[in-house]
């Protein structure tokens, strides 16, 4: 019987993150309309927040500051991509 260690689960978590980011970037590059590119960024950002919470909870390091940090990073990425794709404009 093989015992799954905490380090193996951590490697698996990072593998999942890399696979999702690779798929997201591939889809982003192959989509032509800006709104669909924005949806890809939005879904990826939501996944990033959920993944960060899952990862830190598993590592017994989850606290409110880490959750806020992941949410703020995701919001910054969403905002910058919306501006870059022309979804929102300030001028």
Protein backbone atom coordinates (compact mmCIF):
# COMPACT_ATOMS: atom_id res chain seq x y z
CA UNK A 1 0.00 0.00 0.00
CA UNK A 2 1.41 3.32 -1.07
CA UNK A 3 1.14 6.25 1.31
CA UNK A 4 0.43 9.64 -0.27
CA UNK A 5 2.62 12.22 1.41
CA UNK A 6 1.90 15.88 1.92
CA UNK A 7 4.69 16.74 -0.52
CA UNK A 8 3.15 14.54 -3.24
CA UNK A 9 -0.17 16.35 -2.83
CA UNK A 10 1.63 19.68 -3.04
CA UNK A 11 3.31 18.63 -6.30
CA UNK A 12 -0.08 17.51 -7.60
CA UNK A 13 -1.58 20.91 -6.70
CA UNK A 14 1.14 22.73 -8.62
CA UNK A 15 0.68 20.35 -11.55
CA UNK A 16 -3.04 21.17 -11.63
CA UNK A 17 -2.25 24.89 -11.52
CA UNK A 18 0.22 24.62 -14.41
CA UNK A 19 -2.16 22.54 -16.53
CA UNK A 20 -5.04 24.98 -16.03
CA UNK A 21 -2.81 28.00 -16.76
CA UNK A 22 -1.46 26.31 -19.90
CA UNK A 23 -4.96 25.47 -21.13
CA UNK A 24 -6.19 28.99 -20.29
CA UNK A 25 -3.33 30.63 -22.17
CA UNK A 26 -3.89 28.36 -25.18
CA UNK A 27 -7.59 29.18 -25.27
CA UNK A 28 -6.87 32.90 -24.76
CA UNK A 29 -4.48 32.95 -27.74
CA UNK A 30 -6.90 31.10 -30.02
CA UNK A 31 -10.02 33.15 -29.25
CA UNK A 32 -10.58 36.19 -31.46
CA UNK A 33 -13.30 38.22 -29.72
CA UNK A 34 -12.29 40.39 -26.78
CA UNK A 35 -15.28 39.48 -24.64
CA UNK A 36 -14.43 35.78 -24.83
CA UNK A 37 -10.80 36.51 -23.99
CA UNK A 38 -12.07 38.42 -20.98
CA UNK A 39 -14.21 35.43 -19.94
CA UNK A 40 -11.11 33.21 -20.10
CA UNK A 41 -9.23 35.64 -17.86
CA UNK A 42 -12.19 35.87 -15.48
CA UNK A 43 -12.57 32.10 -15.15
CA UNK A 44 -8.81 31.66 -14.73
CA UNK A 45 -8.71 34.34 -12.02
CA UNK A 46 -11.55 32.67 -10.13
CA UNK A 47 -9.74 29.34 -10.42
CA UNK A 48 -6.56 31.02 -9.12
CA UNK A 49 -8.35 32.22 -5.98
CA UNK A 50 -9.94 28.82 -5.35
CA UNK A 51 -6.63 27.06 -6.01
CA UNK A 52 -4.80 29.40 -3.61
CA UNK A 53 -7.28 28.75 -0.84
CA UNK A 54 -7.13 24.99 -1.45
CA UNK A 55 -3.33 25.00 -1.50
CA UNK A 56 -2.85 27.06 1.65
CA UNK A 57 -5.56 25.17 3.53
CA UNK A 58 -3.78 21.92 2.71
CA UNK A 59 -0.46 23.38 3.88
CA UNK A 60 -2.11 24.60 7.12
CA UNK A 61 -1.18 28.21 6.33
CA UNK A 62 -4.56 29.61 5.40
CA UNK A 63 -5.57 32.87 7.03
CA UNK A 64 -7.57 35.94 6.13
CA UNK A 65 -4.58 37.90 4.78
CA UNK A 66 -3.71 35.18 2.26
CA UNK A 67 -7.30 35.01 1.03
CA UNK A 68 -7.40 38.79 0.60
CA UNK A 69 -4.06 38.69 -1.23
CA UNK A 70 -5.31 36.10 -3.74
CA UNK A 71 -8.54 38.03 -4.30
CA UNK A 72 -6.69 41.34 -4.81
CA UNK A 73 -4.23 39.81 -7.28
CA UNK A 74 -7.15 38.29 -9.22
CA UNK A 75 -9.02 41.61 -9.24
CA UNK A 76 -5.94 43.46 -10.50
CA UNK A 77 -5.48 40.94 -13.32
CA UNK A 78 -9.18 41.13 -14.22
CA UNK A 79 -9.13 44.94 -14.22
CA UNK A 80 -5.96 45.22 -16.30
CA UNK A 81 -7.16 42.67 -18.81
CA UNK A 82 -10.54 44.42 -19.12
CA UNK A 83 -8.75 47.69 -19.85
CA UNK A 84 -6.27 46.05 -22.23
CA UNK A 85 -9.00 44.25 -24.14
CA UNK A 86 -11.14 47.37 -24.37
CA UNK A 87 -13.96 45.97 -22.24
CA UNK A 88 -13.83 49.02 -19.97
CA UNK A 89 -12.42 52.44 -20.75
CA UNK A 90 -11.69 55.43 -18.56
CA UNK A 91 -11.12 57.95 -21.31
